[in-house]
């Protein structure tokens, strides 16, 4: 606050306070102000200014400094202002004007721009806002759980990558973790420009994807990072999608039951904890190893609440034009792979419907290996989850990066994230940006013939031929006869096919490859891309013996259809 020569507020301060002119002159003509009035003036000014701010044009957090705008797509801008307030927006050669509605909401669309920048984005109403360092390029949502949230600093050779991260045209909008029971109008977040000071905490998978494409295409690349682990797919799915499907409604029922049981589970945990403390002290006295500490029950809310992350972190972004989405998730759904088979494509469809941009590209990483290896072939919920992920390739414009060779049996977060980002980038080049010369898929199973006690497997996407990455013989194949008992098989590459057999199975009817939590597997093509896990049967544990039926998605390694975007 500034004061006039006689101790009263200056004309500027009085005007900010919206004081009528007679009151202004009365205050200015006073030779002194009593202490009570003096103490009240800051509060009066704050009150007046808060009233003034209600009329200011405001913007969602994603429309802020360093933002990247999707090239060749109309730009949607929105915000709040006073009802009836005129709002003007200018960006480069594009401009638009609108009037705020009765609730103060406003939105405009600007014409599509070619890649480039930096620009300043000017928005004016009763106040003026300038968004600086705006680039026009490619924008991808980067979502999932902990393997997508996995930071550059923790990745293989992370420190070297950080030192080489001066990339002014790679930007990331970091969304704060938020779970909500209803769709939110905005989220918390800010844009960062990739450099050695900012890149360490960015998603490693997303960063390697964006870096490779930025350097290859010479256009700005942006990630909208909203990854949170551990989080099941239902947390990323709209509640209405879960409610209207009888199969998916089981997710809500399960969560409600768990939430209702939480107080009793927490009380039981406290009892177990007390017992553990007593037993640990006794073991310490006896010089024995202490027992394992009991695990607390998961509280309701947070990243596991159905629709919670969608409401807080996805819905607020859905008005912002994007090229496509990257997804790395599934670990938290390995307990129910059959449900995931319905849930995952339903989530993809819901996102596309909410963005209202048609079937935008949706590229995802298949789960890597995790958990201990089994000496003999066994059923695997992780293998079934991978199969459920592959089934989503039936949706248009989807692509799956296979990572089965990258996993570690003792580490759910393998550090080789550069390979994951690279394989997603190959899919984008091939399926999104029209680079027909790029090989994006490993060998994909396409059919099986049985001849003389041998299973002869055919593949597509061999790209010059099949190879055993670590030398012959091939690993990871198992074979079964009518009794459905799988045993490890001998496998070799011959004339572009894989011949699988076992002396223990004279009449084979089914073959599986990499069908395990953490398989030993090494079938690749000459482009050095791995074959995805597959099976030729659709047997379920406990089913009666019957003839094997073909895999529901044989020979498919990426979605149909292409979406091309020119790079300039």
Protein backbone atom coordinates (compact mmCIF):
# COMPACT_ATOMS: atom_id res chain seq x y z
CA UNK A 1 0.00 0.00 0.00
CA UNK A 2 1.22 3.51 -0.81
CA UNK A 3 0.19 6.67 1.05
CA UNK A 4 -0.39 10.27 -0.01
CA UNK A 5 1.54 13.21 1.42
CA UNK A 6 -0.87 13.63 4.33
CA UNK A 7 -0.86 10.02 5.47
CA UNK A 8 -3.98 8.85 3.59
CA UNK A 9 -3.91 6.22 0.84
CA UNK A 10 -2.70 7.33 -2.55
CA UNK A 11 -5.14 7.66 -5.44
CA UNK A 12 -3.76 4.39 -6.94
CA UNK A 13 -4.28 2.44 -3.70
CA UNK A 14 -7.72 3.93 -3.13
CA UNK A 15 -8.79 3.01 -6.64
CA UNK A 16 -7.57 -0.56 -6.13
CA UNK A 17 -9.70 -0.60 -2.97
CA UNK A 18 -12.71 0.52 -5.04
CA UNK A 19 -13.31 3.41 -2.61
CA UNK A 20 -15.74 6.10 -3.85
CA UNK A 21 -14.07 9.44 -4.67
CA UNK A 22 -15.63 11.38 -1.75
CA UNK A 23 -14.16 8.83 0.62
CA UNK A 24 -10.81 9.07 -1.13
CA UNK A 25 -10.62 12.84 -0.75
CA UNK A 26 -11.83 12.66 2.84
CA UNK A 27 -9.05 10.24 3.68
CA UNK A 28 -6.45 12.23 1.82
CA UNK A 29 -7.51 15.50 3.47
CA UNK A 30 -7.25 14.04 6.95
CA UNK A 31 -4.10 15.18 8.77
CA UNK A 32 -3.82 11.85 10.53
CA UNK A 33 -5.35 8.40 10.61
CA UNK A 34 -6.00 6.77 13.91
CA UNK A 35 -4.13 3.58 14.67
CA UNK A 36 -7.25 1.41 14.43
CA UNK A 37 -7.96 2.61 10.90
CA UNK A 38 -4.30 2.17 9.94
CA UNK A 39 -4.32 -1.43 11.14
CA UNK A 40 -7.49 -2.16 9.17
CA UNK A 41 -6.28 -0.73 5.87
CA UNK A 42 -4.25 -3.84 4.78
CA UNK A 43 -7.23 -6.10 5.47
CA UNK A 44 -9.54 -3.76 3.59
CA UNK A 45 -7.14 -3.70 0.67
CA UNK A 46 -6.86 -7.51 0.63
CA UNK A 47 -10.63 -7.81 0.67
CA UNK A 48 -10.97 -5.33 -2.13
CA UNK A 49 -8.30 -7.03 -4.19
CA UNK A 50 -9.91 -10.44 -3.71
CA UNK A 51 -13.09 -9.03 -5.16
CA UNK A 52 -11.15 -7.64 -8.06
CA UNK A 53 -9.45 -11.01 -8.74
CA UNK A 54 -12.79 -12.70 -9.22
CA UNK A 55 -13.05 -10.91 -12.53
CA UNK A 56 -9.62 -11.94 -13.77
CA UNK A 57 -9.30 -14.35 -16.63
CA UNK A 58 -7.88 -17.65 -15.30
CA UNK A 59 -6.48 -20.71 -17.05
CA UNK A 60 -6.11 -24.42 -16.27
CA UNK A 61 -2.65 -25.48 -15.13
CA UNK A 62 -1.73 -27.18 -18.40
CA UNK A 63 -2.03 -23.87 -20.29
CA UNK A 64 1.11 -22.33 -18.88
CA UNK A 65 4.72 -21.39 -19.67
CA UNK A 66 6.73 -23.91 -21.75
CA UNK A 67 3.61 -25.70 -23.01
CA UNK A 68 3.62 -27.68 -26.26
CA UNK A 69 0.65 -27.52 -28.63
CA UNK A 70 -0.28 -30.44 -30.87
CA UNK A 71 0.68 -29.55 -34.42
CA UNK A 72 -1.84 -29.66 -37.27
CA UNK A 73 -4.75 -29.86 -34.83
CA UNK A 74 -7.05 -27.06 -33.78
CA UNK A 75 -5.98 -25.76 -30.39
CA UNK A 76 -8.61 -25.78 -27.68
CA UNK A 77 -8.14 -23.13 -24.96
CA UNK A 78 -10.41 -22.63 -22.01
CA UNK A 79 -10.67 -20.97 -18.62
CA UNK A 80 -12.76 -18.79 -16.32
CA UNK A 81 -13.73 -15.12 -16.26
CA UNK A 82 -16.62 -12.94 -15.16
CA UNK A 83 -19.97 -13.92 -16.70
CA UNK A 84 -20.32 -11.98 -19.93
CA UNK A 85 -16.65 -10.90 -19.95
CA UNK A 86 -15.04 -10.62 -23.38
CA UNK A 87 -11.90 -12.78 -23.80
CA UNK A 88 -9.39 -12.50 -26.66
CA UNK A 89 -6.70 -15.07 -27.45
CA UNK A 90 -3.73 -14.60 -29.80
CA UNK A 91 -1.02 -17.04 -30.83
CA UNK A 92 1.22 -16.30 -33.79
CA UNK A 93 -1.04 -15.60 -36.77
CA UNK A 94 -4.09 -17.09 -35.05
CA UNK A 95 -6.56 -15.19 -32.88
CA UNK A 96 -10.07 -15.69 -31.53
CA UNK A 97 -12.55 -13.86 -29.33
CA UNK A 98 -15.36 -15.17 -27.14
CA UNK A 99 -17.60 -14.22 -24.23
CA UNK A 100 -17.69 -16.02 -20.89
CA UNK A 101 -20.95 -17.82 -20.17
CA UNK A 102 -23.27 -17.46 -17.22
CA UNK A 103 -21.03 -19.64 -15.06
CA UNK A 104 -17.91 -17.73 -16.13
CA UNK A 105 -16.59 -20.52 -18.35
CA UNK A 106 -15.13 -19.71 -21.74
CA UNK A 107 -13.40 -21.62 -24.51
CA UNK A 108 -12.03 -20.88 -27.97
CA UNK A 109 -10.45 -22.84 -30.78
CA UNK A 110 -7.48 -21.57 -32.76
CA UNK A 111 -6.50 -22.76 -36.21
CA UNK A 112 -3.97 -25.55 -36.60
CA UNK A 113 -0.29 -24.61 -36.70
CA UNK A 114 2.79 -26.31 -38.15
CA UNK A 115 5.55 -27.39 -35.79
CA UNK A 116 7.81 -24.65 -34.50
CA UNK A 117 8.24 -22.01 -31.85
CA UNK A 118 8.86 -20.55 -29.43
CA UNK A 119 5.76 -18.36 -29.38
CA UNK A 120 3.98 -16.23 -26.82
CA UNK A 121 0.32 -16.93 -26.17
CA UNK A 122 -1.66 -13.81 -25.16
CA UNK A 123 -5.02 -14.00 -23.37
CA UNK A 124 -6.79 -10.81 -22.38
CA UNK A 125 -10.03 -9.86 -20.70
CA UNK A 126 -10.21 -7.50 -17.75
CA UNK A 127 -6.63 -8.61 -17.18
CA UNK A 128 -3.91 -9.85 -19.52
CA UNK A 129 -1.91 -13.09 -19.37
CA UNK A 130 1.11 -13.98 -21.48
CA UNK A 131 2.14 -17.63 -21.72
CA UNK A 132 5.80 -17.74 -22.75
CA UNK A 133 8.04 -20.19 -24.61
CA UNK A 134 5.19 -22.05 -26.33
CA UNK A 135 6.19 -24.73 -28.85
CA UNK A 136 4.12 -26.52 -31.50
CA UNK A 137 4.86 -30.19 -32.03
CA UNK A 138 3.75 -33.64 -30.88
CA UNK A 139 1.93 -34.25 -27.57
CA UNK A 140 1.56 -37.67 -25.94
CA UNK A 141 -0.12 -38.64 -22.68
CA UNK A 142 2.28 -40.85 -20.70
CA UNK A 143 0.37 -42.90 -18.10
CA UNK A 144 0.42 -46.07 -16.03
CA UNK A 145 1.81 -47.30 -12.76
CA UNK A 146 5.25 -47.64 -11.24
CA UNK A 147 7.16 -48.83 -14.31
CA UNK A 148 5.93 -45.77 -16.19
CA UNK A 149 6.69 -43.54 -13.20
CA UNK A 150 10.21 -45.08 -12.98
CA UNK A 151 12.62 -42.12 -13.07
CA UNK A 152 15.48 -41.39 -15.46
CA UNK A 153 17.91 -41.20 -12.53
CA UNK A 154 17.10 -44.83 -11.61
CA UNK A 155 17.35 -46.17 -15.16
CA UNK A 156 20.33 -48.05 -16.53
CA UNK A 157 23.09 -45.49 -17.21
CA UNK A 158 20.80 -42.85 -15.72
CA UNK A 159 23.51 -40.41 -14.70
CA UNK A 160 25.04 -40.43 -18.17
CA UNK A 161 21.59 -39.86 -19.68
CA UNK A 162 20.97 -36.89 -17.38
CA UNK A 163 24.28 -35.27 -18.33
CA UNK A 164 23.23 -35.50 -22.00
CA UNK A 165 19.70 -34.17 -21.48
CA UNK A 166 19.95 -30.62 -22.90
CA UNK A 167 16.81 -30.87 -25.06
CA UNK A 168 14.93 -27.54 -25.14
CA UNK A 169 12.31 -28.95 -27.49
CA UNK A 170 11.40 -31.91 -25.26
CA UNK A 171 8.94 -30.81 -22.60
CA UNK A 172 7.04 -32.66 -19.86
CA UNK A 173 3.89 -31.63 -18.01
CA UNK A 174 4.14 -33.30 -14.60
CA UNK A 175 0.71 -34.02 -13.11
CA UNK A 176 0.48 -34.20 -9.33
CA UNK A 177 -0.92 -37.45 -7.91
CA UNK A 178 -4.62 -36.89 -7.31
CA UNK A 179 -7.49 -39.30 -6.71
CA UNK A 180 -11.04 -37.90 -6.62
CA UNK A 181 -14.53 -39.30 -6.31
CA UNK A 182 -15.84 -37.04 -9.09
CA UNK A 183 -14.32 -35.70 -12.35
CA UNK A 184 -12.26 -32.59 -11.66
CA UNK A 185 -12.15 -29.42 -13.77
CA UNK A 186 -8.40 -29.00 -13.33
CA UNK A 187 -5.32 -30.80 -12.05
CA UNK A 188 -2.12 -29.60 -10.43
CA UNK A 189 0.97 -29.62 -12.58
CA UNK A 190 3.57 -27.63 -14.45
CA UNK A 191 5.64 -27.84 -17.63
CA UNK A 192 9.38 -28.47 -17.46
CA UNK A 193 11.92 -28.17 -20.26
CA UNK A 194 14.25 -31.16 -20.37
CA UNK A 195 17.78 -30.37 -19.23
CA UNK A 196 20.23 -31.93 -16.73
CA UNK A 197 18.55 -30.07 -13.86
CA UNK A 198 14.97 -31.19 -14.60
CA UNK A 199 15.10 -34.59 -16.28
CA UNK A 200 16.14 -36.79 -13.34
CA UNK A 201 12.59 -37.30 -12.01
CA UNK A 202 10.84 -37.65 -15.37
CA UNK A 203 9.45 -41.00 -16.55
CA UNK A 204 12.37 -42.87 -18.08
CA UNK A 205 10.20 -44.74 -20.60
CA UNK A 206 8.50 -41.52 -21.68
CA UNK A 207 11.75 -39.57 -21.83
CA UNK A 208 13.57 -42.11 -24.02
CA UNK A 209 10.51 -42.28 -26.32
CA UNK A 210 10.31 -38.49 -26.69
CA UNK A 211 14.06 -37.99 -27.02
CA UNK A 212 14.40 -40.53 -29.84
CA UNK A 213 11.48 -39.12 -31.82
CA UNK A 214 12.49 -35.50 -31.24
CA UNK A 215 15.98 -36.15 -32.52
CA UNK A 216 14.76 -38.22 -35.46
CA UNK A 217 11.88 -36.02 -36.61
CA UNK A 218 13.26 -32.62 -35.59
CA UNK A 219 9.98 -31.43 -34.11
CA UNK A 220 9.14 -30.54 -30.48
CA UNK A 221 7.91 -33.49 -28.41
CA UNK A 222 5.90 -33.29 -25.22
CA UNK A 223 4.76 -35.77 -22.59
CA UNK A 224 1.84 -35.25 -20.24
CA UNK A 225 3.06 -37.48 -17.42
CA UNK A 226 0.41 -38.83 -15.10
CA UNK A 227 1.83 -42.09 -13.75
CA UNK A 228 1.14 -43.44 -10.28
CA UNK A 229 2.04 -46.79 -8.81
CA UNK A 230 0.76 -49.12 -7.67
CA UNK A 231 -2.53 -48.44 -9.44
CA UNK A 232 -4.90 -50.95 -11.10
CA UNK A 233 -6.51 -50.20 -14.46
CA UNK A 234 -9.89 -49.64 -12.83
CA UNK A 235 -8.49 -46.54 -11.10
CA UNK A 236 -7.86 -45.10 -14.60
CA UNK A 237 -11.34 -45.95 -15.93
CA UNK A 238 -14.49 -43.77 -15.68
CA UNK A 239 -16.97 -45.00 -13.12
CA UNK A 240 -19.82 -45.03 -15.66
CA UNK A 241 -17.78 -47.47 -17.77
CA UNK A 242 -17.42 -49.78 -14.77
CA UNK A 243 -21.07 -49.43 -13.77
CA UNK A 244 -22.70 -50.18 -17.12
CA UNK A 245 -20.84 -53.45 -17.73
CA UNK A 246 -21.85 -56.45 -15.61
CA UNK A 247 -18.36 -57.95 -15.78
CA UNK A 248 -16.61 -54.73 -14.82
CA UNK A 249 -19.09 -53.93 -12.06
CA UNK A 250 -17.38 -56.68 -10.06
CA UNK A 251 -14.50 -54.23 -9.59
CA UNK A 252 -16.78 -51.80 -7.77
CA UNK A 253 -18.33 -54.55 -5.66
CA UNK A 254 -14.90 -55.85 -4.68
CA UNK A 255 -13.64 -52.39 -3.76
CA UNK A 256 -16.75 -51.51 -1.73
CA UNK A 257 -16.45 -54.78 0.18
CA UNK A 258 -12.77 -54.11 0.89
CA UNK A 259 -13.48 -50.54 2.02
CA UNK A 260 -16.24 -51.70 4.37
CA UNK A 261 -13.95 -54.35 5.85
CA UNK A 262 -11.02 -51.96 6.34
CA UNK A 263 -11.74 -50.93 9.98
CA UNK A 264 -11.93 -54.57 11.07
CA UNK A 265 -8.84 -55.44 9.01
CA UNK A 266 -6.93 -52.55 10.56
CA UNK A 267 -7.92 -53.67 14.06
CA UNK A 268 -6.80 -57.22 13.28
CA UNK A 269 -3.53 -55.87 11.91
CA UNK A 270 -2.88 -53.97 15.17
CA UNK A 271 -3.30 -57.23 17.05
CA UNK A 272 -0.92 -59.04 14.69
CA UNK A 273 1.56 -56.19 15.06
CA UNK A 274 1.48 -56.46 18.85
CA UNK A 275 2.03 -60.22 18.59
CA UNK A 276 4.90 -59.63 16.17
CA UNK A 277 6.58 -57.19 18.53
CA UNK A 278 6.34 -59.73 21.37
CA UNK A 279 7.65 -62.55 19.17
CA UNK A 280 10.47 -60.36 17.82
CA UNK A 281 11.62 -59.50 21.33
CA UNK A 282 11.54 -63.15 22.33
CA UNK A 283 13.57 -64.08 19.22
CA UNK A 284 16.08 -61.35 19.96
CA UNK A 285 16.50 -62.65 23.53
CA UNK A 286 16.97 -66.19 22.24
CA UNK A 287 19.36 -65.09 19.50
CA UNK A 288 17.01 -66.31 16.78
CA UNK A 289 15.93 -64.55 13.56
CA UNK A 290 12.81 -62.40 14.09
CA UNK A 291 9.57 -63.33 12.31
CA UNK A 292 8.39 -61.34 9.27
CA UNK A 293 6.55 -58.14 10.13
CA UNK A 294 2.84 -58.33 9.18
CA UNK A 295 1.67 -56.15 6.30
CA UNK A 296 -0.97 -53.49 7.00
CA UNK A 297 -4.25 -53.60 5.03
CA UNK A 298 -4.61 -51.13 2.17
CA UNK A 299 -6.80 -48.15 3.13
CA UNK A 300 -9.66 -47.02 0.89
CA UNK A 301 -9.01 -44.20 -1.58
CA UNK A 302 -5.71 -43.26 -3.11
CA UNK A 303 -4.39 -44.90 -6.27
CA UNK A 304 -6.52 -48.02 -5.93
CA UNK A 305 -9.95 -46.38 -5.86
CA UNK A 306 -11.98 -47.24 -8.98
CA UNK A 307 -12.18 -44.18 -11.28
CA UNK A 308 -10.22 -42.10 -8.75
CA UNK A 309 -7.15 -41.40 -10.88
CA UNK A 310 -9.28 -40.94 -13.98
CA UNK A 311 -11.29 -38.27 -12.17
CA UNK A 312 -8.28 -36.46 -10.76
CA UNK A 313 -5.59 -36.84 -13.41
CA UNK A 314 -7.07 -37.86 -16.79
CA UNK A 315 -10.44 -36.14 -17.09
CA UNK A 316 -8.98 -32.64 -16.44
CA UNK A 317 -6.59 -33.13 -19.40
CA UNK A 318 -9.14 -34.40 -21.90
CA UNK A 319 -9.82 -31.00 -23.49
CA UNK A 320 -6.16 -30.65 -24.46
CA UNK A 321 -5.43 -31.95 -27.99
CA UNK A 322 -2.97 -34.86 -28.14
CA UNK A 323 -1.43 -37.14 -30.74
CA UNK A 324 -1.77 -40.31 -28.70
CA UNK A 325 -1.16 -42.16 -25.44
CA UNK A 326 1.64 -44.28 -23.99
CA UNK A 327 0.72 -46.85 -21.34
CA UNK A 328 2.78 -49.11 -19.07
CA UNK A 329 0.60 -50.84 -16.48
CA UNK A 330 -0.76 -54.23 -15.49
CA UNK A 331 1.25 -55.42 -12.51
CA UNK A 332 -1.55 -54.47 -10.12
CA UNK A 333 -4.08 -56.51 -12.15
CA UNK A 334 -2.20 -59.81 -12.32
CA UNK A 335 -4.55 -61.19 -9.67
CA UNK A 336 -7.43 -61.28 -12.20
CA UNK A 337 -6.18 -61.52 -15.81
CA UNK A 338 -9.61 -62.54 -17.12
CA UNK A 339 -11.15 -59.32 -15.85
CA UNK A 340 -8.28 -57.30 -17.34
CA UNK A 341 -9.11 -58.74 -20.74
CA UNK A 342 -12.41 -56.82 -20.60
CA UNK A 343 -11.22 -53.87 -18.49
CA UNK A 344 -8.22 -52.74 -20.54
CA UNK A 345 -9.99 -52.23 -23.89
CA UNK A 346 -12.94 -50.63 -22.08
CA UNK A 347 -10.55 -48.11 -20.54
CA UNK A 348 -8.99 -47.33 -23.93
CA UNK A 349 -12.43 -46.81 -25.50
CA UNK A 350 -13.47 -44.54 -22.62
CA UNK A 351 -10.39 -42.34 -22.99
CA UNK A 352 -10.94 -41.99 -26.71
CA UNK A 353 -14.57 -41.11 -26.18
CA UNK A 354 -13.70 -38.47 -23.58
CA UNK A 355 -11.01 -36.79 -25.73
CA UNK A 356 -13.41 -36.79 -28.69
CA UNK A 357 -10.53 -37.00 -31.18
CA UNK A 358 -11.48 -40.33 -32.71
CA UNK A 359 -9.34 -43.41 -32.26
CA UNK A 360 -6.08 -41.72 -31.34
CA UNK A 361 -3.02 -44.04 -31.25
CA UNK A 362 -2.68 -46.01 -28.03
CA UNK A 363 0.73 -47.65 -27.59
CA UNK A 364 1.57 -49.78 -24.58
CA UNK A 365 4.28 -51.96 -23.07
CA UNK A 366 3.57 -55.60 -22.37
CA UNK A 367 4.68 -56.73 -18.91
CA UNK A 368 8.26 -57.84 -18.42
CA UNK A 369 9.18 -60.99 -16.51
CA UNK A 370 8.96 -61.05 -12.72
CA UNK A 371 8.94 -63.64 -9.90
CA UNK A 372 10.94 -66.82 -9.48
CA UNK A 373 11.50 -69.22 -12.36
CA UNK A 374 9.84 -72.65 -12.17
CA UNK A 375 11.79 -75.81 -12.92
CA UNK A 376 8.84 -77.24 -14.87
CA UNK A 377 6.15 -75.55 -17.03
CA UNK A 378 3.38 -74.15 -14.85
CA UNK A 379 0.34 -71.93 -15.07
CA UNK A 380 1.11 -68.24 -14.71
CA UNK A 381 -1.14 -65.30 -13.95
CA UNK A 382 1.54 -62.99 -15.36
CA UNK A 383 1.49 -64.90 -18.66
CA UNK A 384 -2.31 -64.68 -18.72
CA UNK A 385 -2.13 -60.93 -18.07
CA UNK A 386 0.27 -60.54 -21.00
CA UNK A 387 -2.18 -62.47 -23.16
CA UNK A 388 -4.97 -60.12 -22.04
CA UNK A 389 -2.77 -57.17 -23.02
CA UNK A 390 -2.16 -58.69 -26.45
CA UNK A 391 -5.90 -59.18 -26.94
CA UNK A 392 -6.37 -55.39 -26.85
CA UNK A 393 -4.56 -55.24 -30.19
CA UNK A 394 -7.95 -56.04 -31.73
CA UNK A 395 -8.78 -52.36 -31.16
CA UNK A 396 -7.83 -50.00 -34.01
CA UNK A 397 -4.62 -47.99 -33.84
CA UNK A 398 -3.13 -49.87 -30.91
CA UNK A 399 0.44 -51.11 -30.66
CA UNK A 400 2.26 -53.28 -28.11
CA UNK A 401 5.96 -53.14 -27.28
CA UNK A 402 7.17 -56.56 -26.14
CA UNK A 403 9.51 -56.47 -23.12
CA UNK A 404 9.60 -60.14 -22.12
CA UNK A 405 13.39 -60.21 -22.53
CA UNK A 406 13.99 -57.21 -20.25
CA UNK A 407 12.54 -58.48 -16.95
CA UNK A 408 14.32 -59.64 -13.81
CA UNK A 409 12.87 -62.34 -11.59
CA UNK A 410 13.85 -60.46 -8.42
CA UNK A 411 12.97 -56.92 -9.56
CA UNK A 412 9.50 -55.74 -10.58
CA UNK A 413 11.12 -52.51 -11.85
CA UNK A 414 13.84 -53.59 -14.30
CA UNK A 415 16.13 -50.63 -15.07
CA UNK A 416 16.44 -51.23 -18.84
CA UNK A 417 13.90 -48.56 -19.69
CA UNK A 418 15.78 -47.27 -22.75
CA UNK A 419 14.80 -50.44 -24.63
CA UNK A 420 11.14 -49.99 -23.66
CA UNK A 421 11.11 -46.37 -24.82
CA UNK A 422 12.92 -47.35 -28.03
CA UNK A 423 10.41 -50.09 -28.89
CA UNK A 424 7.49 -47.74 -28.27
CA UNK A 425 9.24 -45.17 -30.49
CA UNK A 426 9.55 -47.79 -33.25
CA UNK A 427 5.80 -48.42 -33.04
CA UNK A 428 5.13 -44.69 -33.26
CA UNK A 429 7.38 -44.29 -36.29
CA UNK A 430 5.80 -47.25 -38.08
CA UNK A 431 2.15 -46.97 -37.08
CA UNK A 432 1.67 -43.26 -36.35
CA UNK A 433 4.20 -41.31 -38.40
CA UNK A 434 4.13 -43.42 -41.55
CA UNK A 435 7.74 -44.67 -41.61
CA UNK A 436 7.10 -47.86 -43.59
CA UNK A 437 10.80 -48.76 -43.60
CA UNK A 438 10.87 -49.09 -39.79
CA UNK A 439 10.51 -52.56 -38.28
CA UNK A 440 8.43 -52.29 -35.14
CA UNK A 441 7.50 -55.89 -34.30
CA UNK A 442 9.22 -59.09 -33.37
CA UNK A 443 8.17 -62.48 -34.80
CA UNK A 444 4.45 -63.10 -34.27
CA UNK A 445 2.97 -66.60 -34.14
CA UNK A 446 0.56 -67.19 -37.03
CA UNK A 447 -0.17 -70.92 -37.19
CA UNK A 448 0.74 -74.49 -36.26
CA UNK A 449 0.81 -77.81 -38.13
CA UNK A 450 1.44 -81.22 -36.55
CA UNK A 451 3.57 -83.61 -38.62
CA UNK A 452 5.19 -86.86 -37.45
CA UNK A 453 5.04 -85.95 -33.77
CA UNK A 454 6.42 -82.45 -34.35
CA UNK A 455 4.73 -79.09 -34.03
CA UNK A 456 5.71 -76.80 -36.91
CA UNK A 457 5.12 -73.13 -36.06
CA UNK A 458 4.81 -70.32 -38.58
CA UNK A 459 5.45 -66.63 -37.92
CA UNK A 460 4.90 -63.25 -39.47
CA UNK A 461 7.19 -60.23 -39.00
CA UNK A 462 10.29 -62.36 -39.36
CA UNK A 463 12.11 -59.39 -40.99
CA UNK A 464 14.90 -61.29 -42.68
CA UNK A 465 14.67 -64.43 -40.62
CA UNK A 466 14.26 -65.96 -37.19
CA UNK A 467 17.20 -66.12 -34.80
CA UNK A 468 17.98 -67.44 -31.34
CA UNK A 469 19.43 -64.36 -29.70
CA UNK A 470 21.71 -66.31 -27.38
CA UNK A 471 22.47 -69.11 -29.84
CA UNK A 472 20.90 -72.49 -30.49
CA UNK A 473 18.96 -74.28 -29.12
CA UNK A 474 15.92 -72.09 -28.56
CA UNK A 475 14.60 -71.73 -25.03
CA UNK A 476 11.16 -71.15 -23.57
CA UNK A 477 9.06 -73.66 -25.56
CA UNK A 478 6.84 -76.24 -23.90
CA UNK A 479 4.62 -78.86 -25.52
CA UNK A 480 1.62 -80.96 -24.44
CA UNK A 481 -0.41 -83.90 -25.70
CA UNK A 482 -4.11 -84.66 -25.15
CA UNK A 483 -3.50 -85.01 -21.41
CA UNK A 484 -2.67 -81.26 -21.28
CA UNK A 485 0.52 -81.83 -19.32
CA UNK A 486 3.20 -79.48 -20.58
CA UNK A 487 6.87 -80.39 -20.59
CA UNK A 488 9.91 -78.47 -21.80
CA UNK A 489 10.45 -79.02 -25.49
CA UNK A 490 13.33 -79.06 -27.92
CA UNK A 491 12.97 -76.26 -30.45
CA UNK A 492 14.99 -75.27 -33.50
CA UNK A 493 14.69 -72.85 -36.37
CA UNK A 494 14.40 -74.48 -39.80
CA UNK A 495 13.50 -72.86 -43.12
CA UNK A 496 11.89 -69.85 -41.47
CA UNK A 497 9.79 -71.92 -39.07
CA UNK A 498 10.23 -73.26 -35.54
CA UNK A 499 10.11 -77.03 -35.07
CA UNK A 500 9.02 -78.06 -31.53
CA UNK A 501 9.07 -81.63 -30.18
CA UNK A 502 9.64 -83.81 -27.12
CA UNK A 503 10.20 -87.52 -26.70
CA UNK A 504 7.77 -87.34 -23.77
CA UNK A 505 4.92 -86.13 -26.02
CA UNK A 506 4.55 -88.40 -29.08
CA UNK A 507 1.22 -86.86 -30.10
CA UNK A 508 1.47 -83.10 -29.49
CA UNK A 509 -1.62 -80.91 -29.64
CA UNK A 510 -0.47 -77.63 -28.07
CA UNK A 511 2.64 -75.47 -27.75
CA UNK A 512 3.42 -72.55 -25.48
CA UNK A 513 6.25 -70.04 -25.68
CA UNK A 514 7.50 -67.81 -22.85
CA UNK A 515 4.47 -68.89 -20.84
CA UNK A 516 5.78 -68.19 -17.32
CA UNK A 517 6.14 -65.43 -14.77
CA UNK A 518 9.79 -64.97 -15.77
CA UNK A 519 10.55 -67.14 -18.78
CA UNK A 520 13.85 -68.04 -20.38
CA UNK A 521 13.19 -67.12 -24.01
CA UNK A 522 15.28 -65.96 -26.93
CA UNK A 523 13.27 -66.03 -30.19
CA UNK A 524 13.98 -62.83 -32.14
CA UNK A 525 14.02 -61.58 -35.72
CA UNK A 526 17.01 -60.02 -37.45
CA UNK A 527 15.76 -56.58 -36.39
CA UNK A 528 16.64 -57.67 -32.83
CA UNK A 529 13.05 -57.55 -31.62
CA UNK A 530 11.65 -60.36 -29.44
CA UNK A 531 8.71 -62.61 -30.17
CA UNK A 532 5.82 -61.99 -27.77
CA UNK A 533 4.68 -64.82 -25.49
CA UNK A 534 1.94 -67.00 -26.99
CA UNK A 535 0.12 -70.27 -26.69
CA UNK A 536 -1.76 -72.33 -29.27
CA UNK A 537 -4.39 -73.47 -26.76
CA UNK A 538 -7.06 -71.70 -24.76
CA UNK A 539 -7.15 -74.20 -21.92
CA UNK A 540 -8.05 -73.15 -18.42
CA UNK A 541 -6.94 -75.00 -15.28
CA UNK A 542 -9.52 -77.68 -14.40
CA UNK A 543 -11.14 -77.85 -17.85
CA UNK A 544 -11.88 -81.36 -19.15
CA UNK A 545 -9.63 -82.69 -21.89
CA UNK A 546 -10.62 -81.60 -25.41
CA UNK A 547 -8.94 -80.66 -28.64
CA UNK A 548 -6.77 -77.60 -28.47
CA UNK A 549 -8.21 -74.45 -30.00
CA UNK A 550 -6.16 -71.66 -31.56
CA UNK A 551 -5.01 -68.63 -29.67
CA UNK A 552 -7.60 -65.83 -29.88
CA UNK A 553 -5.04 -63.42 -31.32
CA UNK A 554 -2.61 -65.45 -33.44
CA UNK A 555 -0.09 -63.56 -35.51
CA UNK A 556 -1.10 -60.09 -34.37
CA UNK A 557 1.56 -57.82 -32.98
CA UNK A 558 0.13 -54.34 -33.41
CA UNK A 559 -3.17 -52.64 -34.11
CA UNK A 560 -4.75 -52.11 -37.50
CA UNK A 561 -4.76 -48.76 -39.20
CA UNK A 562 -2.25 -45.96 -39.30
CA UNK A 563 -2.35 -42.37 -38.27
CA UNK A 564 0.17 -40.22 -40.09
CA UNK A 565 1.51 -36.86 -38.99
CA UNK A 566 3.91 -34.92 -41.16
CA UNK A 567 7.18 -33.92 -39.54
CA UNK A 568 8.33 -30.44 -40.39
